[in-house]
N, C-alpha and C. Protein backbone atom coordinates (compact mmCIF):
# COMPACT_ATOMS: atom_id res chain seq x y z
N MET A 1 -6.45 -14.23 -18.44
CA MET A 1 -5.33 -12.74 -18.78
C MET A 1 -3.57 -12.98 -18.01
N ARG A 2 -3.21 -11.59 -18.18
CA ARG A 2 -1.97 -11.93 -17.86
C ARG A 2 -1.41 -12.68 -16.13
N PHE A 3 -2.80 -11.40 -15.69
CA PHE A 3 -1.83 -11.03 -13.75
C PHE A 3 -2.78 -12.32 -13.81
N ASP A 4 -4.27 -12.59 -13.96
CA ASP A 4 -5.01 -13.63 -13.31
C ASP A 4 -4.57 -15.01 -13.28
N LEU A 5 -4.21 -15.65 -11.79
CA LEU A 5 -3.84 -17.05 -10.55
C LEU A 5 -3.81 -18.50 -11.76
N SER A 6 -2.23 -18.30 -12.53
CA SER A 6 -3.27 -20.38 -13.05
C SER A 6 -2.96 -21.22 -12.03
N ASP A 7 -3.77 -22.24 -12.45
CA ASP A 7 -4.25 -23.09 -12.07
C ASP A 7 -3.78 -23.22 -10.47
N GLU A 8 -2.48 -24.03 -11.31
CA GLU A 8 -1.08 -24.79 -9.91
C GLU A 8 -0.63 -23.27 -8.64
N GLU A 9 -0.51 -22.40 -9.16
CA GLU A 9 -0.68 -21.22 -7.98
C GLU A 9 -2.20 -20.90 -7.51
N TRP A 10 -3.30 -21.15 -8.32
CA TRP A 10 -4.80 -21.10 -6.96
C TRP A 10 -4.96 -22.77 -6.31
N THR A 11 -4.54 -23.79 -6.84
CA THR A 11 -4.21 -24.81 -5.33
C THR A 11 -3.80 -24.43 -4.07
N LEU A 12 -2.39 -24.21 -4.60
CA LEU A 12 -1.82 -23.16 -3.23
C LEU A 12 -2.38 -22.72 -2.16
N LEU A 13 -3.49 -21.66 -2.96
CA LEU A 13 -4.71 -20.58 -2.17
C LEU A 13 -5.32 -20.81 -1.78
N GLU A 14 -6.65 -21.84 -3.02
CA GLU A 14 -7.05 -21.95 -2.16
C GLU A 14 -7.52 -22.66 -0.86
N PRO A 15 -6.78 -23.37 -0.29
CA PRO A 15 -6.72 -24.54 0.96
C PRO A 15 -7.48 -23.11 2.21
N LEU A 16 -6.71 -21.72 1.83
CA LEU A 16 -6.17 -20.04 2.86
C LEU A 16 -6.90 -19.34 3.05
N MET A 17 -7.98 -19.84 1.58
CA MET A 17 -9.23 -18.45 1.90
C MET A 17 -10.14 -18.82 3.09
N PRO A 18 -10.73 -17.03 3.92
CA PRO A 18 -11.59 -17.98 4.83
C PRO A 18 -12.56 -18.94 4.62
N LYS A 19 -13.19 -19.61 4.95
CA LYS A 19 -14.20 -20.42 5.18
C LYS A 19 -15.41 -19.24 4.93
N SER A 20 -16.93 -19.95 3.96
CA SER A 20 -17.51 -18.58 3.25
C SER A 20 -18.18 -18.67 4.66
N ARG A 21 -19.14 -17.72 4.64
CA ARG A 21 -20.68 -17.10 5.75
C ARG A 21 -21.28 -17.89 5.92
N LYS A 22 -22.37 -17.14 6.48
CA LYS A 22 -23.61 -17.58 5.60
C LYS A 22 -24.66 -17.44 3.89
N SER A 23 -23.89 -16.29 4.16
CA SER A 23 -24.59 -15.85 2.91
C SER A 23 -23.02 -15.63 2.16
N ALA A 24 -24.25 -16.12 0.54
CA ALA A 24 -23.42 -16.10 -0.41
C ALA A 24 -22.60 -14.96 -0.56
N ARG A 25 -21.54 -15.77 -0.45
CA ARG A 25 -20.05 -15.21 -1.59
C ARG A 25 -19.54 -15.47 -2.74
N ALA A 26 -18.21 -13.91 -3.08
CA ALA A 26 -18.43 -14.30 -4.86
C ALA A 26 -17.99 -14.87 -4.75
N ASP A 27 -16.68 -15.02 -6.03
CA ASP A 27 -15.78 -15.88 -6.31
C ASP A 27 -14.27 -16.06 -5.86
N ASP A 28 -13.99 -16.59 -4.94
CA ASP A 28 -12.91 -16.40 -3.97
C ASP A 28 -11.68 -15.62 -5.73
N ARG A 29 -11.33 -17.27 -6.43
CA ARG A 29 -10.66 -16.90 -7.43
C ARG A 29 -10.61 -15.69 -8.50
N LYS A 30 -11.81 -15.83 -8.67
CA LYS A 30 -12.10 -13.62 -9.22
C LYS A 30 -11.71 -12.91 -8.28
N ILE A 31 -12.41 -13.04 -7.66
CA ILE A 31 -11.87 -11.78 -6.46
C ILE A 31 -10.37 -11.51 -6.72
N MET A 32 -9.47 -12.14 -6.25
CA MET A 32 -8.29 -12.95 -5.29
C MET A 32 -7.01 -11.87 -6.87
N ASN A 33 -7.99 -12.69 -8.92
CA ASN A 33 -7.05 -12.45 -9.65
C ASN A 33 -7.09 -10.37 -8.73
N ALA A 34 -8.20 -10.43 -8.74
CA ALA A 34 -9.49 -8.85 -9.43
C ALA A 34 -8.09 -7.75 -8.58
N ILE A 35 -7.79 -8.38 -7.31
CA ILE A 35 -7.33 -7.87 -6.05
C ILE A 35 -5.63 -8.09 -6.35
N PHE A 36 -5.14 -8.71 -7.01
CA PHE A 36 -4.13 -8.96 -7.76
C PHE A 36 -2.70 -8.42 -9.19
N TYR A 37 -4.30 -8.38 -9.54
CA TYR A 37 -4.67 -7.18 -11.01
C TYR A 37 -4.66 -5.98 -10.25
N VAL A 38 -5.24 -5.02 -9.12
CA VAL A 38 -5.01 -3.97 -9.39
C VAL A 38 -3.57 -3.89 -8.53
N LEU A 39 -3.02 -5.00 -7.53
CA LEU A 39 -1.47 -4.82 -6.82
C LEU A 39 -0.73 -4.48 -7.82
N ARG A 40 -0.69 -4.93 -8.90
CA ARG A 40 0.86 -5.65 -9.53
C ARG A 40 0.63 -4.68 -10.37
N THR A 41 -0.32 -3.65 -11.09
CA THR A 41 -1.29 -2.57 -12.26
C THR A 41 -0.70 -1.52 -11.59
N GLY A 42 -1.14 -1.09 -10.52
CA GLY A 42 -1.31 -0.39 -10.20
C GLY A 42 -1.67 1.25 -9.52
N MET A 43 -2.64 0.48 -10.27
CA MET A 43 -3.91 0.95 -11.00
C MET A 43 -5.80 1.34 -9.24
N PRO A 44 -5.77 2.46 -9.97
CA PRO A 44 -7.55 2.48 -8.55
C PRO A 44 -8.34 1.81 -9.16
N TRP A 45 -9.02 1.22 -7.90
CA TRP A 45 -10.00 0.06 -7.73
C TRP A 45 -10.90 0.18 -8.88
N ARG A 46 -11.59 1.64 -8.87
CA ARG A 46 -12.94 2.04 -9.60
C ARG A 46 -12.12 1.99 -11.10
N ASP A 47 -10.83 1.54 -11.60
CA ASP A 47 -10.97 1.50 -13.03
C ASP A 47 -10.10 -0.23 -12.97
N LEU A 48 -10.97 -0.89 -12.37
CA LEU A 48 -11.03 -2.49 -12.06
C LEU A 48 -11.61 -3.32 -13.29
N PRO A 49 -11.18 -4.05 -13.99
CA PRO A 49 -12.03 -3.71 -15.70
C PRO A 49 -12.82 -4.95 -15.61
N GLU A 50 -14.57 -5.19 -15.90
CA GLU A 50 -15.49 -5.59 -15.64
C GLU A 50 -15.43 -6.97 -15.42
N ARG A 51 -13.98 -8.10 -16.29
CA ARG A 51 -14.54 -9.30 -15.86
C ARG A 51 -13.84 -9.86 -14.67
N TYR A 52 -13.86 -8.33 -13.76
CA TYR A 52 -13.80 -8.70 -12.02
C TYR A 52 -14.94 -9.02 -11.91
N GLY A 53 -15.64 -7.72 -11.98
CA GLY A 53 -16.64 -8.07 -11.70
C GLY A 53 -16.43 -6.84 -10.43
N PRO A 54 -17.47 -6.50 -9.47
CA PRO A 54 -17.67 -4.80 -9.54
C PRO A 54 -16.25 -5.02 -8.14
N TYR A 55 -15.65 -3.68 -8.41
CA TYR A 55 -14.41 -3.06 -7.90
C TYR A 55 -15.02 -2.98 -6.06
N THR A 56 -15.71 -2.28 -6.08
CA THR A 56 -16.37 -2.21 -4.28
C THR A 56 -16.01 -3.35 -4.20
N THR A 57 -16.61 -5.29 -5.06
CA THR A 57 -16.42 -6.67 -3.68
C THR A 57 -14.90 -6.32 -4.14
N ALA A 58 -13.99 -6.21 -4.52
CA ALA A 58 -12.45 -7.03 -3.76
C ALA A 58 -11.76 -5.80 -3.79
N TYR A 59 -12.24 -4.52 -3.94
CA TYR A 59 -11.83 -3.34 -1.86
C TYR A 59 -12.33 -4.21 -1.28
N ASN A 60 -13.55 -3.91 -0.66
CA ASN A 60 -13.99 -4.08 0.71
C ASN A 60 -13.50 -5.85 1.16
N ARG A 61 -13.24 -6.57 0.06
CA ARG A 61 -12.39 -7.64 0.56
C ARG A 61 -10.62 -8.09 0.35
N PHE A 62 -10.33 -6.55 -0.39
CA PHE A 62 -9.22 -7.02 -0.21
C PHE A 62 -8.78 -6.34 1.60
N ASN A 63 -9.81 -4.57 1.48
CA ASN A 63 -9.77 -4.64 3.07
C ASN A 63 -9.70 -5.02 4.73
N ARG A 64 -11.50 -5.79 4.22
CA ARG A 64 -11.47 -6.80 5.69
C ARG A 64 -10.59 -7.94 5.99
N TRP A 65 -9.97 -8.23 4.51
CA TRP A 65 -8.92 -9.87 4.52
C TRP A 65 -7.62 -8.55 5.76
N SER A 66 -7.57 -7.69 5.23
CA SER A 66 -6.00 -6.88 5.82
C SER A 66 -6.94 -6.92 6.93
N ARG A 67 -7.24 -6.18 7.10
CA ARG A 67 -7.65 -5.96 9.00
C ARG A 67 -8.09 -7.17 9.05
N ARG A 68 -9.00 -9.00 9.42
CA ARG A 68 -8.32 -9.74 9.79
C ARG A 68 -6.98 -10.68 10.13
N GLY A 69 -5.93 -10.34 9.32
CA GLY A 69 -5.04 -10.88 9.00
C GLY A 69 -5.20 -12.19 8.18
N ILE A 70 -5.54 -11.64 7.53
CA ILE A 70 -5.72 -13.30 6.29
C ILE A 70 -4.67 -13.02 5.61
N TRP A 71 -3.87 -12.21 4.69
CA TRP A 71 -3.13 -11.25 4.02
C TRP A 71 -1.55 -12.34 4.29
N LYS A 72 -1.55 -11.84 5.88
CA LYS A 72 -0.57 -12.48 6.66
C LYS A 72 -0.08 -13.28 7.10
N LYS A 73 -1.76 -14.30 6.97
CA LYS A 73 -0.85 -15.39 7.17
C LYS A 73 -1.33 -16.07 5.97
N ILE A 74 -2.18 -16.37 4.31
CA ILE A 74 -1.16 -16.39 3.34
C ILE A 74 -0.03 -16.33 3.12
N PHE A 75 0.73 -15.35 3.53
CA PHE A 75 1.87 -15.25 3.92
C PHE A 75 2.52 -16.10 4.34
N ASP A 76 2.21 -15.94 5.54
CA ASP A 76 2.92 -16.63 5.95
C ASP A 76 2.98 -18.00 6.14
N THR A 77 2.33 -18.75 5.73
CA THR A 77 2.02 -20.37 5.61
C THR A 77 3.00 -20.59 3.82
N LEU A 78 3.06 -19.41 3.10
CA LEU A 78 3.37 -19.42 1.76
C LEU A 78 5.01 -19.90 2.64
N ALA A 79 5.42 -18.13 2.78
CA ALA A 79 6.76 -18.46 3.35
C ALA A 79 7.69 -19.51 3.76
N SER A 80 5.92 -20.67 4.46
CA SER A 80 7.06 -21.74 5.56
C SER A 80 6.83 -22.91 3.99
N LYS A 81 6.50 -22.78 3.30
CA LYS A 81 6.28 -24.09 1.99
C LYS A 81 7.94 -23.73 0.62
N SER A 82 8.52 -21.99 1.44
CA SER A 82 9.47 -21.91 0.50
C SER A 82 11.02 -22.31 1.15
N ARG A 83 11.81 -23.12 0.02
CA ARG A 83 13.01 -22.84 0.55
C ARG A 83 14.10 -21.74 0.92
N ASP A 84 13.14 -20.77 0.09
CA ASP A 84 13.38 -19.67 -0.52
C ASP A 84 13.06 -17.66 0.26
N SER A 85 12.12 -19.01 1.77
CA SER A 85 11.37 -17.75 2.45
C SER A 85 11.38 -16.56 2.90
N LEU A 86 13.27 -16.98 3.34
CA LEU A 86 14.31 -15.21 3.11
C LEU A 86 14.44 -13.87 1.26
N HIS A 87 13.58 -14.53 1.04
CA HIS A 87 13.93 -13.95 -0.65
C HIS A 87 12.97 -14.04 -1.14
N LEU A 88 11.55 -14.09 -0.24
CA LEU A 88 10.91 -13.54 -1.23
C LEU A 88 10.46 -12.69 -1.73
N ILE A 89 10.71 -11.30 -1.38
CA ILE A 89 10.41 -10.93 -1.33
C ILE A 89 11.78 -9.87 -1.81
N ASP A 90 12.24 -9.07 -2.90
CA ASP A 90 13.14 -8.37 -3.36
C ASP A 90 12.96 -7.35 -4.19
N SER A 91 13.48 -5.85 -3.70
CA SER A 91 12.56 -4.73 -3.76
C SER A 91 13.77 -4.33 -4.76
N THR A 92 14.58 -5.96 -6.12
CA THR A 92 15.60 -4.68 -7.09
C THR A 92 15.05 -4.18 -7.75
N ILE A 93 13.46 -4.72 -8.09
CA ILE A 93 12.19 -4.36 -9.88
C ILE A 93 11.96 -3.15 -9.02
N VAL A 94 12.38 -2.79 -7.78
CA VAL A 94 11.28 -1.31 -7.29
C VAL A 94 11.91 -0.07 -7.82
N LYS A 95 10.95 1.02 -9.08
CA LYS A 95 12.51 2.25 -9.54
C LYS A 95 11.81 3.08 -8.40
N ALA A 96 12.54 4.19 -8.08
CA ALA A 96 12.38 5.32 -7.40
C ALA A 96 12.44 5.99 -8.29
N HIS A 97 10.57 6.47 -8.01
CA HIS A 97 10.22 8.02 -8.89
C HIS A 97 11.95 9.29 -8.86
N ARG A 98 11.51 9.62 -10.02
CA ARG A 98 13.19 10.91 -9.30
C ARG A 98 13.50 12.06 -9.02
N ALA A 99 11.82 12.55 -8.43
CA ALA A 99 12.23 13.19 -7.73
C ALA A 99 12.57 12.64 -5.86
N ALA A 100 12.57 11.04 -6.55
CA ALA A 100 13.36 10.32 -5.21
C ALA A 100 13.95 11.30 -4.71
N SER A 101 15.66 11.22 -5.54
CA SER A 101 16.74 11.26 -5.56
C SER A 101 17.08 13.12 -5.96
N GLY A 102 16.02 13.93 -5.78
CA GLY A 102 16.35 15.33 -5.46
C GLY A 102 16.73 16.05 -6.98
N ALA A 103 15.79 15.64 -7.44
CA ALA A 103 15.98 16.10 -8.81
C ALA A 103 14.95 17.15 -9.81
N LYS A 104 16.00 17.71 -10.95
CA LYS A 104 15.48 19.12 -10.91
C LYS A 104 15.91 19.86 -10.45
N GLY A 105 16.94 20.08 -9.96
CA GLY A 105 18.09 21.30 -10.07
C GLY A 105 18.70 20.64 -8.63
N GLY A 106 18.98 19.25 -8.40
CA GLY A 106 19.78 18.66 -7.40
C GLY A 106 18.87 18.26 -5.78
N SER A 107 20.11 18.30 -5.41
CA SER A 107 19.83 18.73 -4.42
C SER A 107 20.01 20.21 -3.34
N LYS A 108 18.72 20.16 -3.40
CA LYS A 108 19.90 21.82 -2.12
C LYS A 108 19.87 22.12 -0.48
N ILE A 109 20.98 22.75 -0.36
CA ILE A 109 20.15 22.99 1.35
C ILE A 109 19.76 23.83 1.15
N ARG A 110 18.46 23.13 2.68
CA ARG A 110 17.33 24.54 2.60
C ARG A 110 17.79 24.77 4.55
N LEU A 111 17.72 26.23 3.84
CA LEU A 111 17.42 26.48 6.44
C LEU A 111 16.09 25.60 7.00
N SER A 112 16.48 24.94 7.71
CA SER A 112 15.48 24.56 8.14
C SER A 112 14.81 26.16 9.34
N ALA A 113 13.07 25.37 9.58
CA ALA A 113 12.69 26.63 10.15
C ALA A 113 13.07 27.04 11.69
N SER A 114 14.22 26.77 12.25
CA SER A 114 14.85 26.57 13.25
C SER A 114 15.91 27.64 13.54
N ALA A 115 16.10 27.78 12.23
CA ALA A 115 17.28 28.36 11.11
C ALA A 115 17.19 30.04 12.43
N GLY A 116 16.25 30.28 12.12
CA GLY A 116 16.17 32.21 12.51
C GLY A 116 15.24 32.02 13.83
N ALA A 117 15.68 30.87 14.86
CA ALA A 117 15.81 30.90 16.63
C ALA A 117 16.88 31.78 16.62
N ASP A 118 17.91 32.76 16.50
CA ASP A 118 19.24 33.13 17.55
C ASP A 118 19.05 34.19 16.76
N GLU A 119 17.75 35.01 16.24
CA GLU A 119 17.56 36.80 16.53
C GLU A 119 17.27 37.42 16.49
N ALA A 120 16.53 38.77 16.67
CA ALA A 120 16.08 39.12 17.72
C ALA A 120 14.57 38.89 17.99
N ARG A 121 14.58 38.78 19.04
CA ARG A 121 12.18 38.06 18.53
C ARG A 121 11.95 39.48 18.12
N LYS A 122 10.67 39.43 17.37
CA LYS A 122 10.10 40.64 16.49
C LYS A 122 8.70 41.15 17.70
N SER A 123 8.28 40.59 18.76
CA SER A 123 7.91 40.73 20.04
C SER A 123 8.16 40.32 20.93
N THR A 124 8.59 41.87 21.76
CA THR A 124 9.25 40.50 23.07
C THR A 124 7.62 41.41 23.99
N ARG A 125 7.68 40.88 25.30
CA ARG A 125 7.39 41.44 26.19
C ARG A 125 7.29 43.26 26.39
N SER A 126 7.52 44.11 26.30
CA SER A 126 8.24 45.31 26.39
C SER A 126 8.07 45.92 25.56
N SER A 127 7.97 45.28 23.23
CA SER A 127 6.85 45.32 22.33
C SER A 127 5.58 45.46 22.75
N ILE A 128 5.66 44.74 23.59
CA ILE A 128 3.14 45.07 23.49
C ILE A 128 3.29 46.27 24.85
N ALA A 129 4.04 45.67 25.48
CA ALA A 129 3.80 46.97 26.69
C ALA A 129 3.10 48.71 25.73
N LYS A 130 4.86 48.40 24.58
CA LYS A 130 4.26 49.87 24.14
C LYS A 130 3.49 50.43 23.62
N ALA A 131 3.22 48.65 23.09
CA ALA A 131 1.60 49.46 21.53
C ALA A 131 0.27 49.43 22.78
N ALA A 132 0.57 48.81 23.79
CA ALA A 132 -1.03 48.80 24.63
C ALA A 132 -0.72 50.37 24.63
N ARG A 133 0.03 51.14 25.19
CA ARG A 133 -0.83 52.47 25.73
C ARG A 133 -0.98 53.38 24.58
């Protein structure tokens, strides 16, 4: 599939995978493909195609590896192997939503909540005392 890892990419990633535990673990390559599919498409985990297996497996592995710092270790290792390691992340392909620029009416100057702070108070000690009488 279009988003799946190529054999060349997998040969770089496979040695970086954590060692398997006592219990049998789902195929690492299939799970990595599932995780990258979700990250590249931006789709919800629940909508992961069936060919990748249960979405909960990919979701749990992604979260577990994030907490353990495995993704950072993978990134650092791959970045150190690249002569262009400082240029691996480029945000020029990221598009901002049109609302991010103040679309639909443009940017309007709005008073903050503290703008009314210099007005006379509506409730003061003297008015509370009068109301209590």
